[in-house]
Amino acid sequence: MAEKRQDWKERQEASDGIIEGRNAVTEALRAGTPIDKVYLARGETDAALGHIAAKARERGIAVVDCDRRKLDNMSVTHSHQGVIAVAAVREYAEVEDILKAAADRGEPPLIVVCDELSDPHNLGAVIRTAECAGAHGVIIPKRRSAGLTAVVAKTSAGAVSYVPVARVANLTACLKELKEAGVWVFGTAADADRAIYDADLKGPAAIVIGSEGNGMSRLVAKNCDFLVSIPMKGQLNSLNASAAAAILLYEAVRQRMG
């Protein structure tokens, strides 16, 4: 019985912000509603769905082709007509907005970069910690990542209202731009030679947190200036992504207070 209640709770959480059906999604796009992603039934050639996809891409919204069964599972009304949009709780920022936030506060940038965190609870927890630690923003990739959905907002305990979150099409290109702007990029890796406590996080820093299952992708790791590890003293060899982010962010806070 408890398991059924948990399934119901998870379904209710996932349904927050769901916009279903061709007319509803078209009107949301026309009205400028912040939208995280648009999901379309794979293989559909309907002109109305093509128009929705084109409008979404014009606004920089990720369009995902998926199996109709996925749409059926997401649907609350059970009449999605081949399209579901997931509303974002706020507009995404630009990377420049994050750098400007640091400059306005007269502080060296402290940025969290999430490399394909797919669990919305993890992303929400990272955003919450980033806000508490005084980070200037969070960067996520447009695809293969949780976005600013209602579940993320709830898990962040309202921090999404205060922390700029930028979404970029190419994470490796973004890291190169950050480095050109004078930001040092620190990636987390279990086999890194340098412990996080030996890294200098007092200057402009971007901390990269890898995905829940595979850590950082090869290209992202290659574009980091430094790879650092969190010492592991127990039997397990990894931490939850949001816990790792908290350790790194508060090491930066400690150094900057010194």
C-alpha atoms as a PDB file:
ATOM      1  CA  MET A   1       0.000   0.000   0.000  1.00  0.00           C
ATOM      2  CA  ALA A   2       2.814   2.400   0.909  1.00  0.00           C
ATOM      3  CA  GLU A   3       4.466   1.608  -2.420  1.00  0.00           C
ATOM      4  CA  LYS A   4       1.271   2.543  -4.298  1.00  0.00           C
ATOM      5  CA  ARG A   5       1.062   5.839  -2.403  1.00  0.00           C
ATOM      6  CA  GLN A   6       4.679   6.582  -3.346  1.00  0.00           C
ATOM      7  CA  ASP A   7       3.961   5.839  -7.021  1.00  0.00           C
ATOM      8  CA  TRP A   8       0.964   8.180  -6.873  1.00  0.00           C
ATOM      9  CA  LYS A   9       3.036  10.912  -5.235  1.00  0.00           C
ATOM     10  CA  GLU A  10       5.767  10.640  -7.884  1.00  0.00           C
ATOM     11  CA  ARG A  11       3.162  10.795 -10.660  1.00  0.00           C
ATOM     12  CA  GLN A  12       1.580  13.898  -9.124  1.00  0.00           C
ATOM     13  CA  GLU A  13       4.994  15.587  -8.873  1.00  0.00           C
ATOM     14  CA  ALA A  14       5.826  14.750 -12.470  1.00  0.00           C
ATOM     15  CA  SER A  15       2.482  16.129 -13.685  1.00  0.00           C
ATOM     16  CA  ASP A  16       3.223  19.645 -12.391  1.00  0.00           C
ATOM     17  CA  GLY A  17       3.701  22.003 -15.307  1.00  0.00           C
ATOM     18  CA  ILE A  18       2.464  19.544 -17.951  1.00  0.00           C
ATOM     19  CA  ILE A  19       0.787  21.202 -20.961  1.00  0.00           C
ATOM     20  CA  GLU A  20      -0.985  18.707 -23.216  1.00  0.00           C
ATOM     21  CA  GLY A  21      -2.550  18.809 -26.654  1.00  0.00           C
ATOM     22  CA  ARG A  22      -1.916  20.743 -29.836  1.00  0.00           C
ATOM     23  CA  ASN A  23      -4.021  23.798 -29.043  1.00  0.00           C
ATOM     24  CA  ALA A  24      -2.771  24.123 -25.461  1.00  0.00           C
ATOM     25  CA  VAL A  25       0.896  23.846 -26.458  1.00  0.00           C
ATOM     26  CA  THR A  26       0.434  26.224 -29.420  1.00  0.00           C
ATOM     27  CA  GLU A  27      -1.185  28.833 -27.164  1.00  0.00           C
ATOM     28  CA  ALA A  28       1.556  28.449 -24.545  1.00  0.00           C
ATOM     29  CA  LEU A  29       4.207  29.078 -27.206  1.00  0.00           C
ATOM     30  CA  ARG A  30       2.274  32.041 -28.589  1.00  0.00           C
ATOM     31  CA  ALA A  31       1.851  33.545 -25.105  1.00  0.00           C
ATOM     32  CA  GLY A  32       5.583  33.272 -24.342  1.00  0.00           C
ATOM     33  CA  THR A  33       5.082  30.856 -21.455  1.00  0.00           C
ATOM     34  CA  PRO A  34       8.497  29.679 -20.172  1.00  0.00           C
ATOM     35  CA  ILE A  35       8.848  26.116 -21.444  1.00  0.00           C
ATOM     36  CA  ASP A  36      11.543  23.620 -20.572  1.00  0.00           C
ATOM     37  CA  LYS A  37      11.011  20.989 -23.286  1.00  0.00           C
ATOM     38  CA  VAL A  38       8.496  19.966 -25.925  1.00  0.00           C
ATOM     39  CA  TYR A  39       7.974  16.232 -26.432  1.00  0.00           C
ATOM     40  CA  LEU A  40       6.622  15.036 -29.808  1.00  0.00           C
ATOM     41  CA  ALA A  41       5.467  11.557 -30.791  1.00  0.00           C
ATOM     42  CA  ARG A  42       8.154  10.003 -32.969  1.00  0.00           C
ATOM     43  CA  GLY A  43       7.181   9.372 -36.575  1.00  0.00           C
ATOM     44  CA  GLU A  44       4.244  11.807 -36.689  1.00  0.00           C
ATOM     45  CA  THR A  45       4.138  13.870 -39.909  1.00  0.00           C
ATOM     46  CA  ASP A  46       1.159  16.033 -39.002  1.00  0.00           C
ATOM     47  CA  ALA A  47       1.576  19.658 -40.152  1.00  0.00           C
ATOM     48  CA  ALA A  48       0.308  21.036 -36.830  1.00  0.00           C
ATOM     49  CA  LEU A  49       2.987  19.143 -34.902  1.00  0.00           C
ATOM     50  CA  GLY A  50       5.622  20.358 -37.370  1.00  0.00           C
ATOM     51  CA  HIS A  51       4.472  23.935 -36.771  1.00  0.00           C
ATOM     52  CA  ILE A  52       4.739  23.447 -32.989  1.00  0.00           C
ATOM     53  CA  ALA A  53       8.257  22.023 -33.349  1.00  0.00           C
ATOM     54  CA  ALA A  54       9.348  24.958 -35.529  1.00  0.00           C
ATOM     55  CA  LYS A  55       7.947  27.546 -33.109  1.00  0.00           C
ATOM     56  CA  ALA A  56       9.603  25.847 -30.148  1.00  0.00           C
ATOM     57  CA  ARG A  57      12.995  25.745 -31.872  1.00  0.00           C
ATOM     58  CA  GLU A  58      12.663  29.432 -32.791  1.00  0.00           C
ATOM     59  CA  ARG A  59      12.464  30.156 -29.058  1.00  0.00           C
ATOM     60  CA  GLY A  60      15.455  27.941 -28.292  1.00  0.00           C
ATOM     61  CA  ILE A  61      13.331  25.293 -26.599  1.00  0.00           C
ATOM     62  CA  ALA A  62      14.562  21.702 -26.747  1.00  0.00           C
ATOM     63  CA  VAL A  63      12.309  19.507 -28.893  1.00  0.00           C
ATOM     64  CA  VAL A  64      12.456  15.793 -28.055  1.00  0.00           C
ATOM     65  CA  ASP A  65      11.131  13.045 -30.334  1.00  0.00           C
ATOM     66  CA  CYS A  66       9.932  10.169 -28.187  1.00  0.00           C
ATOM     67  CA  ASP A  67       7.914   6.990 -28.242  1.00  0.00           C
ATOM     68  CA  ARG A  68       4.155   7.524 -27.923  1.00  0.00           C
ATOM     69  CA  ARG A  69       4.219   5.303 -24.826  1.00  0.00           C
ATOM     70  CA  LYS A  70       6.396   7.879 -23.071  1.00  0.00           C
ATOM     71  CA  LEU A  71       3.809  10.546 -23.843  1.00  0.00           C
ATOM     72  CA  ASP A  72       1.066   8.247 -22.533  1.00  0.00           C
ATOM     73  CA  ASN A  73       2.988   7.843 -19.266  1.00  0.00           C
ATOM     74  CA  MET A  74       3.540  11.594 -18.937  1.00  0.00           C
ATOM     75  CA  SER A  75      -0.057  12.455 -19.768  1.00  0.00           C
ATOM     76  CA  VAL A  76      -2.529  13.487 -17.096  1.00  0.00           C
ATOM     77  CA  THR A  77      -5.544  14.020 -19.373  1.00  0.00           C
ATOM     78  CA  HIS A  78      -4.816  10.984 -21.597  1.00  0.00           C
ATOM     79  CA  SER A  79      -5.529  13.125 -24.666  1.00  0.00           C
ATOM     80  CA  HIS A  80      -2.113  14.560 -25.499  1.00  0.00           C
ATOM     81  CA  GLN A  81      -2.623  14.389 -29.298  1.00  0.00           C
ATOM     82  CA  GLY A  82       1.028  13.550 -29.827  1.00  0.00           C
ATOM     83  CA  VAL A  83       2.527  16.552 -28.037  1.00  0.00           C
ATOM     84  CA  ILE A  84       3.321  17.509 -24.449  1.00  0.00           C
ATOM     85  CA  ALA A  85       5.189  20.579 -23.236  1.00  0.00           C
ATOM     86  CA  VAL A  86       6.755  20.845 -19.790  1.00  0.00           C
ATOM     87  CA  ALA A  87       6.584  24.363 -18.421  1.00  0.00           C
ATOM     88  CA  ALA A  88       9.656  25.965 -16.858  1.00  0.00           C
ATOM     89  CA  VAL A  89       9.154  27.781 -13.573  1.00  0.00           C
ATOM     90  CA  ARG A  90      11.173  30.751 -14.837  1.00  0.00           C
ATOM     91  CA  GLU A  91      13.064  31.933 -17.905  1.00  0.00           C
ATOM     92  CA  TYR A  92      16.599  30.672 -18.367  1.00  0.00           C
ATOM     93  CA  ALA A  93      19.440  33.142 -17.950  1.00  0.00           C
ATOM     94  CA  GLU A  94      22.423  33.654 -20.244  1.00  0.00           C
ATOM     95  CA  VAL A  95      25.977  32.809 -19.192  1.00  0.00           C
ATOM     96  CA  GLU A  96      26.729  36.537 -19.492  1.00  0.00           C
ATOM     97  CA  ASP A  97      24.065  37.208 -16.840  1.00  0.00           C
ATOM     98  CA  ILE A  98      25.918  34.944 -14.408  1.00  0.00           C
ATOM     99  CA  LEU A  99      29.256  36.673 -15.019  1.00  0.00           C
ATOM    100  CA  LYS A 100      27.544  40.052 -14.634  1.00  0.00           C
ATOM    101  CA  ALA A 101      26.002  38.967 -11.318  1.00  0.00           C
ATOM    102  CA  ALA A 102      29.501  38.266  -9.993  1.00  0.00           C
ATOM    103  CA  ALA A 103      30.821  41.593 -11.296  1.00  0.00           C
ATOM    104  CA  ASP A 104      27.884  43.482  -9.752  1.00  0.00           C
ATOM    105  CA  ARG A 105      28.704  41.945  -6.379  1.00  0.00           C
ATOM    106  CA  GLY A 106      32.401  42.700  -6.772  1.00  0.00           C
ATOM    107  CA  GLU A 107      33.291  39.007  -6.383  1.00  0.00           C
ATOM    108  CA  PRO A 108      35.236  36.507  -8.471  1.00  0.00           C
ATOM    109  CA  PRO A 109      32.726  34.268 -10.263  1.00  0.00           C
ATOM    110  CA  LEU A 110      31.718  31.027  -8.568  1.00  0.00           C
ATOM    111  CA  ILE A 111      29.713  28.909 -10.995  1.00  0.00           C
ATOM    112  CA  VAL A 112      28.353  25.360 -10.902  1.00  0.00           C
ATOM    113  CA  VAL A 113      28.286  23.468 -14.211  1.00  0.00           C
ATOM    114  CA  CYS A 114      26.101  20.341 -14.243  1.00  0.00           C
ATOM    115  CA  ASP A 115      27.122  17.808 -16.868  1.00  0.00           C
ATOM    116  CA  GLU A 116      23.878  15.991 -17.751  1.00  0.00           C
ATOM    117  CA  LEU A 117      22.223  15.695 -14.328  1.00  0.00           C
ATOM    118  CA  SER A 118      19.026  13.897 -15.309  1.00  0.00           C
ATOM    119  CA  ASP A 119      17.467  13.580 -11.847  1.00  0.00           C
ATOM    120  CA  PRO A 120      15.374  16.702 -11.106  1.00  0.00           C
ATOM    121  CA  HIS A 121      15.754  16.163  -7.365  1.00  0.00           C
ATOM    122  CA  ASN A 122      19.543  16.240  -7.731  1.00  0.00           C
ATOM    123  CA  LEU A 123      19.437  19.402  -9.846  1.00  0.00           C
ATOM    124  CA  GLY A 124      17.084  21.080  -7.382  1.00  0.00           C
ATOM    125  CA  ALA A 125      19.391  20.193  -4.489  1.00  0.00           C
ATOM    126  CA  VAL A 126      22.417  21.565  -6.380  1.00  0.00           C
ATOM    127  CA  ILE A 127      20.616  24.856  -7.054  1.00  0.00           C
ATOM    128  CA  ARG A 128      19.617  25.110  -3.396  1.00  0.00           C
ATOM    129  CA  THR A 129      23.207  24.571  -2.242  1.00  0.00           C
ATOM    130  CA  ALA A 130      24.504  27.015  -4.868  1.00  0.00           C
ATOM    131  CA  GLU A 131      22.191  29.706  -3.507  1.00  0.00           C
ATOM    132  CA  CYS A 132      23.187  29.025   0.115  1.00  0.00           C
ATOM    133  CA  ALA A 133      26.891  29.110  -0.793  1.00  0.00           C
ATOM    134  CA  GLY A 134      26.553  32.401  -2.659  1.00  0.00           C
ATOM    135  CA  ALA A 135      27.351  30.978  -6.094  1.00  0.00           C
ATOM    136  CA  HIS A 136      26.572  33.343  -8.938  1.00  0.00           C
ATOM    137  CA  GLY A 137      24.818  30.825 -11.171  1.00  0.00           C
ATOM    138  CA  VAL A 138      24.338  27.314 -12.483  1.00  0.00           C
ATOM    139  CA  ILE A 139      24.866  26.126 -16.060  1.00  0.00           C
ATOM    140  CA  ILE A 140      23.161  23.066 -17.544  1.00  0.00           C
ATOM    141  CA  PRO A 141      23.106  21.553 -21.051  1.00  0.00           C
ATOM    142  CA  LYS A 142      19.974  21.869 -23.169  1.00  0.00           C
ATOM    143  CA  ARG A 143      19.699  18.120 -23.774  1.00  0.00           C
ATOM    144  CA  ARG A 144      20.068  15.062 -21.538  1.00  0.00           C
ATOM    145  CA  SER A 145      19.514  17.141 -18.434  1.00  0.00           C
ATOM    146  CA  ALA A 146      16.739  17.966 -16.032  1.00  0.00           C
ATOM    147  CA  GLY A 147      15.447  21.505 -16.510  1.00  0.00           C
ATOM    148  CA  LEU A 148      13.708  24.155 -14.443  1.00  0.00           C
ATOM    149  CA  THR A 149      10.553  22.140 -13.866  1.00  0.00           C
ATOM    150  CA  ALA A 150       8.164  22.298 -10.929  1.00  0.00           C
ATOM    151  CA  VAL A 151       9.880  19.303  -9.301  1.00  0.00           C
ATOM    152  CA  VAL A 152      13.264  21.055  -9.505  1.00  0.00           C
ATOM    153  CA  ALA A 153      11.771  24.249  -8.078  1.00  0.00           C
ATOM    154  CA  LYS A 154      10.194  22.373  -5.171  1.00  0.00           C
ATOM    155  CA  THR A 155      13.401  20.484  -4.374  1.00  0.00           C
ATOM    156  CA  SER A 156      15.382  23.726  -4.504  1.00  0.00           C
ATOM    157  CA  ALA A 157      13.153  25.136  -1.728  1.00  0.00           C
ATOM    158  CA  GLY A 158      12.623  28.301  -3.781  1.00  0.00           C
ATOM    159  CA  ALA A 159      16.296  28.836  -4.674  1.00  0.00           C
ATOM    160  CA  VAL A 160      15.429  28.874  -8.403  1.00  0.00           C
ATOM    161  CA  SER A 161      13.968  32.334  -7.792  1.00  0.00           C
ATOM    162  CA  TYR A 162      17.378  33.688  -6.772  1.00  0.00           C
ATOM    163  CA  VAL A 163      20.025  31.709  -8.684  1.00  0.00           C
ATOM    164  CA  PRO A 164      20.414  32.381 -12.418  1.00  0.00           C
ATOM    165  CA  VAL A 165      20.340  29.106 -14.364  1.00  0.00           C
ATOM    166  CA  ALA A 166      21.707  29.212 -17.912  1.00  0.00           C
ATOM    167  CA  ARG A 167      21.046  26.463 -20.433  1.00  0.00           C
ATOM    168  CA  VAL A 168      23.537  25.995 -23.262  1.00  0.00           C
ATOM    169  CA  ALA A 169      23.495  23.946 -26.455  1.00  0.00           C
ATOM    170  CA  ASN A 170      27.146  22.880 -26.180  1.00  0.00           C
ATOM    171  CA  LEU A 171      28.720  22.460 -22.764  1.00  0.00           C
ATOM    172  CA  THR A 172      32.308  22.099 -23.997  1.00  0.00           C
ATOM    173  CA  ALA A 173      32.026  25.291 -26.040  1.00  0.00           C
ATOM    174  CA  CYS A 174      30.633  27.016 -22.943  1.00  0.00           C
ATOM    175  CA  LEU A 175      33.627  25.903 -20.865  1.00  0.00           C
ATOM    176  CA  LYS A 176      35.977  27.347 -23.486  1.00  0.00           C
ATOM    177  CA  GLU A 177      34.104  30.672 -23.319  1.00  0.00           C
ATOM    178  CA  LEU A 178      34.345  30.692 -19.530  1.00  0.00           C
ATOM    179  CA  LYS A 179      38.094  30.115 -19.720  1.00  0.00           C
ATOM    180  CA  GLU A 180      38.415  32.953 -22.240  1.00  0.00           C
ATOM    181  CA  ALA A 181      36.601  35.131 -19.680  1.00  0.00           C
ATOM    182  CA  GLY A 182      39.277  34.278 -17.085  1.00  0.00           C
ATOM    183  CA  VAL A 183      37.373  31.576 -15.208  1.00  0.00           C
ATOM    184  CA  TRP A 184      39.295  28.465 -14.096  1.00  0.00           C
ATOM    185  CA  VAL A 185      37.380  25.222 -14.662  1.00  0.00           C
ATOM    186  CA  PHE A 186      37.579  22.486 -12.015  1.00  0.00           C
ATOM    187  CA  GLY A 187      36.210  19.063 -12.876  1.00  0.00           C
ATOM    188  CA  THR A 188      35.451  16.332 -10.362  1.00  0.00           C
ATOM    189  CA  ALA A 189      36.929  12.890 -10.990  1.00  0.00           C
ATOM    190  CA  ALA A 190      37.475   9.986  -8.618  1.00  0.00           C
ATOM    191  CA  ASP A 191      40.935   9.228 -10.063  1.00  0.00           C
ATOM    192  CA  ALA A 192      42.215  12.830 -10.072  1.00  0.00           C
ATOM    193  CA  ASP A 193      45.708  13.383  -8.639  1.00  0.00           C
ATOM    194  CA  ARG A 194      44.722  16.523  -6.744  1.00  0.00           C
ATOM    195  CA  ALA A 195      42.329  16.548  -3.767  1.00  0.00           C
ATOM    196  CA  ILE A 196      39.741  19.313  -3.675  1.00  0.00           C
ATOM    197  CA  TYR A 197      41.399  20.717  -0.532  1.00  0.00           C
ATOM    198  CA  ASP A 198      44.585  21.361  -2.517  1.00  0.00           C
ATOM    199  CA  ALA A 199      42.806  23.331  -5.249  1.00  0.00           C
ATOM    200  CA  ASP A 200      42.781  27.131  -5.236  1.00  0.00           C
ATOM    201  CA  LEU A 201      39.120  28.164  -5.435  1.00  0.00           C
ATOM    202  CA  LYS A 202      39.591  31.749  -4.297  1.00  0.00           C
ATOM    203  CA  GLY A 203      39.748  33.101  -7.842  1.00  0.00           C
ATOM    204  CA  PRO A 204      37.171  32.913 -10.660  1.00  0.00           C
ATOM    205  CA  ALA A 205      36.036  29.287 -10.634  1.00  0.00           C
ATOM    206  CA  ALA A 206      33.571  26.995 -12.363  1.00  0.00           C
ATOM    207  CA  ILE A 207      32.985  23.658 -10.658  1.00  0.00           C
ATOM    208  CA  VAL A 208      31.816  20.849 -12.951  1.00  0.00           C
ATOM    209  CA  ILE A 209      29.598  18.141 -11.449  1.00  0.00           C
ATOM    210  CA  GLY A 210      29.265  14.969 -13.517  1.00  0.00           C
ATOM    211  CA  SER A 211      26.138  12.938 -14.148  1.00  0.00           C
ATOM    212  CA  GLU A 212      24.708  10.523 -11.595  1.00  0.00           C
ATOM    213  CA  GLY A 213      25.845   7.390 -13.396  1.00  0.00           C
ATOM    214  CA  ASN A 214      28.878   8.141 -15.539  1.00  0.00           C
ATOM    215  CA  GLY A 215      30.407  11.301 -14.100  1.00  0.00           C
ATOM    216  CA  MET A 216      31.798  13.859 -16.519  1.00  0.00           C
ATOM    217  CA  SER A 217      31.798  13.114 -20.216  1.00  0.00           C
ATOM    218  CA  ARG A 218      35.180  12.702 -21.906  1.00  0.00           C
ATOM    219  CA  LEU A 219      35.018  15.996 -23.805  1.00  0.00           C
ATOM    220  CA  VAL A 220      33.924  17.947 -20.750  1.00  0.00           C
ATOM    221  CA  ALA A 221      36.750  16.451 -18.666  1.00  0.00           C
ATOM    222  CA  LYS A 222      39.224  17.282 -21.440  1.00  0.00           C
ATOM    223  CA  ASN A 223      38.205  20.943 -21.303  1.00  0.00           C
ATOM    224  CA  CYS A 224      38.726  21.320 -17.550  1.00  0.00           C
ATOM    225  CA  ASP A 225      41.802  23.183 -16.325  1.00  0.00           C
ATOM    226  CA  PHE A 226      42.094  20.934 -13.265  1.00  0.00           C
ATOM    227  CA  LEU A 227      40.648  17.601 -12.193  1.00  0.00           C
ATOM    228  CA  VAL A 228      40.074  17.240  -8.466  1.00  0.00           C
ATOM    229  CA  SER A 229      38.795  14.461  -6.216  1.00  0.00           C
ATOM    230  CA  ILE A 230      36.924  14.244  -2.938  1.00  0.00           C
ATOM    231  CA  PRO A 231      38.765  11.946  -0.507  1.00  0.00           C
ATOM    232  CA  MET A 232      36.838   8.729   0.112  1.00  0.00           C
ATOM    233  CA  LYS A 233      37.509   6.966   3.422  1.00  0.00           C
ATOM    234  CA  GLY A 234      34.712   4.398   3.427  1.00  0.00           C
ATOM    235  CA  GLN A 235      33.870   1.336   1.363  1.00  0.00           C
ATOM    236  CA  LEU A 236      31.975   3.249  -1.338  1.00  0.00           C
ATOM    237  CA  ASN A 237      33.826   5.216  -4.007  1.00  0.00           C
ATOM    238  CA  SER A 238      31.357   7.916  -4.970  1.00  0.00           C
ATOM    239  CA  LEU A 239      28.921  10.475  -3.586  1.00  0.00           C
ATOM    240  CA  ASN A 240      25.529  11.628  -4.754  1.00  0.00           C
ATOM    241  CA  ALA A 241      25.991  14.473  -7.273  1.00  0.00           C
ATOM    242  CA  SER A 242      24.312  17.075  -5.065  1.00  0.00           C
ATOM    243  CA  ALA A 243      26.388  16.008  -2.042  1.00  0.00           C
ATOM    244  CA  ALA A 244      29.575  16.350  -4.105  1.00  0.00           C
ATOM    245  CA  ALA A 245      28.489  19.810  -5.234  1.00  0.00           C
ATOM    246  CA  ALA A 246      27.918  20.844  -1.615  1.00  0.00           C
ATOM    247  CA  ILE A 247      31.403  19.735  -0.548  1.00  0.00           C
ATOM    248  CA  LEU A 248      33.100  21.586  -3.412  1.00  0.00           C
ATOM    249  CA  LEU A 249      31.046  24.749  -3.044  1.00  0.00           C
ATOM    250  CA  TYR A 250      31.652  25.023   0.666  1.00  0.00           C
ATOM    251  CA  GLU A 251      35.360  24.412   0.233  1.00  0.00           C
ATOM    252  CA  ALA A 252      35.258  27.450  -2.065  1.00  0.00           C
ATOM    253  CA  VAL A 253      33.325  29.369   0.598  1.00  0.00           C
ATOM    254  CA  ARG A 254      35.877  28.391   3.262  1.00  0.00           C
ATOM    255  CA  GLN A 255      38.795  29.539   1.113  1.00  0.00           C
ATOM    256  CA  ARG A 256      37.119  32.804   0.191  1.00  0.00           C
ATOM    257  CA  MET A 257      36.409  33.612   3.828  1.00  0.00           C
ATOM    258  CA  GLY A 258      40.075  33.059   4.782  1.00  0.00           C
END
